[in-house]
N, C-alpha and C. Protein backbone atom coordinates (compact mmCIF):
# COMPACT_ATOMS: atom_id res chain seq x y z
N MET A 1 46.40 -10.69 -28.61
CA MET A 1 46.81 -11.10 -27.04
C MET A 1 45.42 -10.70 -26.77
N ARG A 2 45.02 -11.53 -25.41
CA ARG A 2 43.78 -11.42 -24.38
C ARG A 2 44.22 -10.84 -23.28
N LEU A 3 43.36 -10.08 -23.20
CA LEU A 3 43.48 -9.67 -21.74
C LEU A 3 42.97 -10.34 -20.86
N VAL A 4 43.45 -10.82 -19.82
CA VAL A 4 42.74 -11.64 -18.73
C VAL A 4 42.68 -11.14 -17.42
N ILE A 5 41.63 -10.96 -16.83
CA ILE A 5 41.48 -10.50 -15.64
C ILE A 5 41.11 -11.57 -14.39
N PRO A 6 41.78 -11.67 -13.42
CA PRO A 6 41.98 -12.72 -12.52
C PRO A 6 40.28 -12.49 -12.12
N PRO A 7 39.75 -13.53 -11.50
CA PRO A 7 38.45 -13.87 -11.20
C PRO A 7 38.09 -13.27 -10.09
N LYS A 8 39.00 -12.98 -8.95
CA LYS A 8 38.72 -12.19 -7.57
C LYS A 8 38.67 -10.52 -8.21
N ARG A 9 39.54 -10.02 -9.08
CA ARG A 9 39.48 -8.80 -9.26
C ARG A 9 38.31 -8.55 -10.48
N ARG A 10 37.66 -9.54 -11.22
CA ARG A 10 36.59 -9.46 -11.97
C ARG A 10 35.24 -8.96 -10.89
N GLU A 11 35.09 -10.07 -9.83
CA GLU A 11 34.05 -9.48 -8.97
C GLU A 11 34.22 -8.43 -8.34
N THR A 12 35.50 -7.62 -7.99
CA THR A 12 35.60 -6.41 -7.44
C THR A 12 35.25 -5.68 -8.51
N VAL A 13 35.44 -5.52 -9.39
CA VAL A 13 34.90 -4.39 -10.60
C VAL A 13 33.59 -4.62 -10.62
N ILE A 14 32.76 -5.89 -11.00
CA ILE A 14 31.37 -5.71 -10.71
C ILE A 14 30.78 -5.42 -9.59
N VAL A 15 31.35 -5.32 -8.44
CA VAL A 15 30.18 -4.86 -7.40
C VAL A 15 30.87 -3.66 -7.17
N LEU A 16 31.99 -2.99 -7.86
CA LEU A 16 31.90 -1.84 -7.64
C LEU A 16 31.30 -0.96 -8.87
N CYS A 17 30.98 -1.61 -10.06
CA CYS A 17 30.09 -1.00 -11.02
C CYS A 17 28.59 -1.02 -10.71
N VAL A 18 28.57 -2.22 -9.86
CA VAL A 18 26.82 -2.19 -9.45
C VAL A 18 26.49 -1.16 -8.33
N PHE A 19 27.73 -0.67 -7.33
CA PHE A 19 27.39 0.04 -6.18
C PHE A 19 27.59 1.69 -6.82
N ILE A 20 28.35 1.80 -7.58
CA ILE A 20 28.58 3.28 -8.67
C ILE A 20 26.94 3.29 -9.25
N LEU A 21 26.72 2.55 -9.79
CA LEU A 21 25.60 2.84 -10.24
C LEU A 21 24.11 2.56 -9.52
N ALA A 22 24.29 2.28 -8.24
CA ALA A 22 23.07 2.12 -7.51
C ALA A 22 23.20 3.78 -6.90
N ALA A 23 24.58 4.05 -6.70
CA ALA A 23 24.86 5.31 -5.81
C ALA A 23 24.40 6.33 -6.54
N PHE A 24 24.66 6.65 -8.03
CA PHE A 24 24.17 7.36 -8.99
C PHE A 24 22.58 7.35 -9.19
N GLY A 25 22.17 6.20 -9.52
CA GLY A 25 20.89 5.94 -9.63
C GLY A 25 19.80 6.65 -8.21
N GLY A 26 20.24 6.35 -6.98
CA GLY A 26 19.56 6.52 -5.55
C GLY A 26 19.71 7.82 -5.33
N ALA A 27 20.96 8.47 -5.61
CA ALA A 27 21.12 10.22 -5.74
C ALA A 27 19.76 10.58 -6.81
N TRP A 28 19.90 10.35 -7.70
CA TRP A 28 19.10 11.04 -8.71
C TRP A 28 17.71 10.60 -8.51
N TYR A 29 17.25 9.67 -8.01
CA TYR A 29 15.98 9.38 -7.50
C TYR A 29 15.89 10.33 -6.40
N PHE A 30 16.46 10.54 -5.30
CA PHE A 30 16.56 11.65 -4.55
C PHE A 30 16.70 12.81 -4.80
N PHE A 31 17.11 13.58 -5.37
CA PHE A 31 17.16 14.94 -5.82
C PHE A 31 16.40 15.21 -6.88
N ALA A 32 16.09 14.22 -7.66
CA ALA A 32 15.12 14.73 -9.22
C ALA A 32 13.72 14.56 -8.80
N LEU A 33 13.59 13.55 -7.72
CA LEU A 33 12.16 13.23 -7.55
C LEU A 33 11.64 13.69 -5.99
N GLY A 34 12.74 14.31 -5.33
CA GLY A 34 11.98 14.50 -3.82
C GLY A 34 12.53 13.50 -2.87
N ALA A 35 12.72 13.86 -1.82
CA ALA A 35 12.77 12.89 -0.65
C ALA A 35 12.15 12.32 0.06
N LEU A 36 10.72 12.57 -0.13
CA LEU A 36 9.45 11.96 0.44
C LEU A 36 8.65 11.46 -0.78
N PRO A 37 8.88 10.83 -1.92
CA PRO A 37 8.30 10.89 -3.00
C PRO A 37 6.78 10.17 -2.83
N ALA A 38 6.70 9.52 -1.78
CA ALA A 38 5.63 8.43 -1.74
C ALA A 38 4.52 9.32 -0.73
N GLY A 39 4.90 10.32 -0.47
CA GLY A 39 3.50 11.06 0.50
C GLY A 39 4.23 12.22 1.39
N SER A 40 3.75 12.38 2.11
CA SER A 40 4.33 13.65 3.52
C SER A 40 5.04 12.62 4.56
N THR A 41 5.35 13.28 5.54
CA THR A 41 5.51 12.22 6.80
C THR A 41 4.61 11.96 7.76
N ALA A 42 3.37 13.01 7.23
CA ALA A 42 1.93 12.65 7.98
C ALA A 42 1.53 11.40 7.68
N ASP A 43 1.71 11.11 6.48
CA ASP A 43 1.09 9.74 5.69
C ASP A 43 2.16 8.97 6.10
N TRP A 44 3.20 9.00 6.47
CA TRP A 44 3.87 7.99 6.64
C TRP A 44 3.86 7.58 8.41
N PHE A 45 4.26 8.40 8.97
CA PHE A 45 4.37 8.62 10.76
C PHE A 45 3.06 8.50 11.22
N GLY A 46 2.05 8.61 10.77
CA GLY A 46 0.90 8.99 11.75
C GLY A 46 0.41 7.85 12.07
N PRO A 47 0.19 6.45 11.73
CA PRO A 47 0.09 5.19 12.68
C PRO A 47 1.16 5.37 13.54
N SER A 48 2.27 5.04 13.65
CA SER A 48 3.25 5.17 14.39
C SER A 48 3.08 6.08 15.80
N ALA A 49 2.83 7.47 15.47
CA ALA A 49 2.60 8.13 16.51
C ALA A 49 1.17 8.12 17.11
N MET A 50 0.33 7.38 16.52
CA MET A 50 -1.05 7.09 17.29
C MET A 50 -0.60 5.97 18.00
N TRP A 51 0.30 5.09 17.93
CA TRP A 51 0.23 3.67 18.45
C TRP A 51 1.20 4.25 19.66
N ALA A 52 2.24 4.83 19.55
CA ALA A 52 3.27 5.65 20.59
C ALA A 52 2.34 6.16 21.42
N MET A 53 1.13 6.77 21.15
CA MET A 53 0.44 7.38 22.28
C MET A 53 -0.86 6.87 22.69
N GLY A 54 -0.90 5.58 22.38
CA GLY A 54 -2.18 4.45 22.88
C GLY A 54 -3.00 4.25 22.18
N ARG A 55 -3.14 4.79 20.95
CA ARG A 55 -4.41 4.66 20.28
C ARG A 55 -4.37 3.42 19.30
N GLY A 56 -3.35 2.67 19.14
CA GLY A 56 -3.40 1.68 18.16
C GLY A 56 -2.76 2.34 17.06
N PHE A 57 -2.54 0.99 16.21
CA PHE A 57 -1.52 0.82 15.13
C PHE A 57 -2.62 1.48 13.70
N ILE A 58 -3.56 2.72 14.20
CA ILE A 58 -4.41 3.11 12.83
C ILE A 58 -3.53 4.13 12.16
N ALA A 59 -4.33 4.74 11.44
CA ALA A 59 -3.93 5.81 10.64
C ALA A 59 -5.04 7.05 10.73
N PRO A 60 -4.48 8.54 10.99
CA PRO A 60 -5.48 9.62 11.17
C PRO A 60 -5.93 9.63 9.68
N ASN A 61 -7.17 9.78 9.78
CA ASN A 61 -7.70 10.17 8.37
C ASN A 61 -7.66 11.64 7.89
N LEU A 62 -6.43 11.99 6.84
CA LEU A 62 -5.97 12.70 6.76
C LEU A 62 -6.99 13.39 5.64
N GLU A 63 -8.08 12.88 5.39
CA GLU A 63 -9.12 13.62 4.33
C GLU A 63 -9.82 14.32 4.55
N THR A 64 -9.83 14.36 5.37
CA THR A 64 -11.15 15.38 6.23
C THR A 64 -11.10 17.05 6.57
N LYS A 65 -11.99 17.39 6.89
CA LYS A 65 -11.92 18.85 7.10
C LYS A 65 -11.56 18.91 8.43
N GLU A 66 -11.93 17.84 9.32
CA GLU A 66 -11.45 18.16 10.81
C GLU A 66 -9.75 18.05 10.69
N TRP A 67 -9.36 17.55 10.39
CA TRP A 67 -7.93 16.92 10.06
C TRP A 67 -7.25 18.37 9.53
N ALA A 68 -7.69 18.97 8.41
CA ALA A 68 -6.84 19.79 8.04
C ALA A 68 -7.31 21.61 8.75
N GLU A 69 -8.48 21.71 9.52
CA GLU A 69 -8.61 22.84 9.96
C GLU A 69 -8.95 22.72 11.39
N SER A 70 -9.24 21.65 11.94
CA SER A 70 -9.78 21.85 13.28
C SER A 70 -8.53 22.24 14.28
N PRO A 71 -8.64 23.30 15.48
CA PRO A 71 -7.66 23.53 16.20
C PRO A 71 -7.01 22.17 17.04
N GLU A 72 -8.02 21.59 17.26
CA GLU A 72 -7.69 20.46 17.92
C GLU A 72 -6.68 19.57 17.87
N THR A 73 -6.57 19.64 16.24
CA THR A 73 -5.47 18.62 15.78
C THR A 73 -4.49 19.57 15.34
N LYS A 74 -4.03 20.80 15.22
CA LYS A 74 -3.15 21.20 15.23
C LYS A 74 -1.91 20.82 15.68
N ALA A 75 -1.62 20.63 16.80
CA ALA A 75 -0.43 19.91 17.54
C ALA A 75 -0.02 18.96 16.98
N PHE A 76 -1.20 18.05 16.72
CA PHE A 76 -0.69 16.31 15.84
C PHE A 76 -0.17 16.93 14.68
N ARG A 77 -0.72 17.79 13.58
CA ARG A 77 -0.65 18.11 12.27
C ARG A 77 0.97 18.66 12.40
N GLU A 78 1.20 19.67 13.15
CA GLU A 78 2.22 20.36 13.45
C GLU A 78 3.74 19.14 13.59
N PHE A 79 3.44 18.24 14.26
CA PHE A 79 4.16 17.32 15.04
C PHE A 79 4.47 16.46 13.55
N LEU A 80 3.81 15.73 12.87
CA LEU A 80 3.79 15.22 11.89
C LEU A 80 4.76 15.87 10.57
N SER A 81 4.03 16.95 10.43
CA SER A 81 4.85 18.10 9.46
C SER A 81 6.14 18.37 9.88
N LEU A 82 6.95 17.99 11.08
CA LEU A 82 7.98 18.39 11.65
C LEU A 82 8.16 19.58 11.50
N GLU A 83 6.93 20.42 11.97
CA GLU A 83 7.28 21.72 12.69
C GLU A 83 6.94 21.77 13.97
N ARG A 84 6.94 20.81 14.87
CA ARG A 84 6.82 20.53 16.25
C ARG A 84 7.63 19.23 16.58
N ALA A 85 8.58 19.68 17.73
CA ALA A 85 9.49 18.32 18.35
C ALA A 85 8.92 17.77 19.14
N SER A 86 7.56 17.98 20.07
CA SER A 86 7.02 17.00 20.91
C SER A 86 5.47 16.81 20.72
N LEU A 87 5.11 15.96 21.18
CA LEU A 87 3.61 15.52 21.16
C LEU A 87 3.19 14.96 22.55
N ASN A 88 1.93 15.33 23.17
CA ASN A 88 1.62 14.38 24.20
C ASN A 88 0.30 13.90 23.54
N PRO A 89 -0.16 12.84 24.30
CA PRO A 89 -1.30 12.11 24.50
C PRO A 89 -2.39 13.01 24.18
N GLU A 90 -2.43 14.11 25.03
CA GLU A 90 -3.59 14.88 24.80
C GLU A 90 -3.74 15.41 23.36
N ASP A 91 -2.63 15.50 22.54
CA ASP A 91 -2.98 16.39 21.51
C ASP A 91 -3.47 15.72 20.51
N ILE A 92 -3.91 14.55 20.78
CA ILE A 92 -4.27 13.47 19.65
C ILE A 92 -6.00 13.71 20.06
N PRO A 93 -7.29 14.01 19.53
CA PRO A 93 -8.31 14.24 19.92
C PRO A 93 -9.22 13.05 20.05
N GLU A 94 -9.53 12.46 20.88
CA GLU A 94 -10.61 11.43 21.13
C GLU A 94 -11.38 11.12 19.92
N THR A 95 -11.91 12.76 19.27
CA THR A 95 -12.85 12.14 18.21
C THR A 95 -12.15 12.26 16.93
N LEU A 96 -10.67 12.41 16.90
CA LEU A 96 -10.35 11.92 15.61
C LEU A 96 -10.46 10.98 14.80
N ARG A 97 -11.12 11.25 13.50
CA ARG A 97 -11.38 9.94 12.66
C ARG A 97 -10.30 9.20 12.31
N THR A 98 -9.90 7.83 12.59
CA THR A 98 -9.12 6.90 11.75
C THR A 98 -9.58 6.23 10.89
N THR A 99 -8.27 5.88 10.09
CA THR A 99 -8.52 4.56 9.08
C THR A 99 -7.77 3.41 9.27
N PRO A 100 -8.03 2.37 8.53
CA PRO A 100 -6.90 1.17 8.91
C PRO A 100 -5.90 1.39 8.07
N VAL A 101 -4.64 0.80 8.66
CA VAL A 101 -3.50 1.36 7.88
C VAL A 101 -3.74 0.67 6.44
N GLY A 102 -2.90 1.21 5.71
CA GLY A 102 -2.99 0.61 4.17
C GLY A 102 -1.91 -0.26 3.83
N PRO A 103 -1.81 -0.69 2.28
CA PRO A 103 -0.66 -1.82 2.35
C PRO A 103 0.46 -1.22 2.47
N PHE A 104 0.90 -0.09 2.20
CA PHE A 104 2.23 0.74 2.40
C PHE A 104 2.90 0.54 3.73
N HIS A 105 1.69 0.58 4.72
CA HIS A 105 2.22 0.42 6.29
C HIS A 105 2.23 -0.55 6.43
N ARG A 106 1.41 -1.95 5.84
CA ARG A 106 1.40 -3.26 6.02
C ARG A 106 2.93 -3.91 5.95
N LEU A 107 3.00 -3.41 4.66
CA LEU A 107 4.51 -3.96 4.16
C LEU A 107 5.66 -3.46 4.50
N HIS A 108 5.60 -2.47 5.29
CA HIS A 108 6.70 -1.83 6.37
C HIS A 108 6.44 -1.91 7.89
N CYS A 109 5.81 -2.75 8.03
CA CYS A 109 5.11 -2.55 9.79
C CYS A 109 6.35 -2.71 10.49
N TYR A 110 7.66 -3.15 10.24
CA TYR A 110 8.74 -3.23 11.47
C TYR A 110 9.12 -1.94 11.21
N LEU A 111 9.41 -1.48 10.28
CA LEU A 111 9.96 0.02 10.30
C LEU A 111 8.99 1.01 11.00
N PHE A 112 7.70 1.14 10.71
CA PHE A 112 6.93 1.82 11.55
C PHE A 112 6.67 1.43 12.86
N TYR A 113 6.74 -0.07 13.31
CA TYR A 113 6.68 -0.44 14.74
C TYR A 113 7.48 0.34 15.50
N SER A 114 8.96 0.14 14.74
CA SER A 114 10.32 0.41 15.33
C SER A 114 10.24 1.83 15.92
N VAL A 115 9.92 2.68 14.62
CA VAL A 115 9.42 4.38 15.02
C VAL A 115 8.61 4.53 15.92
N ALA A 116 7.57 3.36 16.15
CA ALA A 116 6.57 3.91 17.32
C ALA A 116 7.16 3.37 18.74
N ALA A 117 7.57 2.11 18.70
CA ALA A 117 8.42 1.72 20.16
C ALA A 117 9.50 2.67 20.68
N THR A 118 10.23 3.58 19.68
CA THR A 118 11.17 4.60 19.98
C THR A 118 10.62 5.55 20.54
N TRP A 119 9.63 6.15 19.94
CA TRP A 119 8.78 7.34 20.63
C TRP A 119 8.20 6.60 22.02
N LYS A 120 7.43 5.57 22.10
CA LYS A 120 7.16 5.32 23.30
C LYS A 120 7.95 4.80 24.55
N ILE A 121 9.62 4.54 24.10
CA ILE A 121 10.42 4.42 24.90
C ILE A 121 10.97 5.54 25.08
N GLU A 122 11.62 6.47 24.64
CA GLU A 122 12.11 7.94 24.55
C GLU A 122 10.88 8.94 24.01
N PRO A 123 10.21 9.08 25.00
CA PRO A 123 8.94 9.70 24.60
C PRO A 123 9.48 11.14 23.77
N VAL A 124 8.15 11.32 23.03
CA VAL A 124 8.61 12.37 22.25
C VAL A 124 7.84 13.75 22.68
N ALA A 125 7.54 13.55 24.00
CA ALA A 125 6.82 14.54 24.91
C ALA A 125 7.99 15.37 25.38
């Protein structure tokens, strides 16, 4: 005797199995590797903050000593590291070194422009 599963139920079982597998894989990835495996929020949202503050969609150069130690960049660093809830255009020094956005930002440009537009419409200041 052969077990016969109706096609509609078979599809439901397959979709359910794929969903469960994806949920477990995503949970493992999130908890085992960390919530932000590709970098920090400063790496991710620096260009969005720059655009929202009227500086263009460019990335702050996070590799410089100026970025890490300058009191002029302290407010911007704190905002991008989620230690501060607001940011004003004056918090980004005019002399801040920048770099063009990389491939990650170009591939996810709609996400980062959406965040920037939200910050521009609903100011973070």
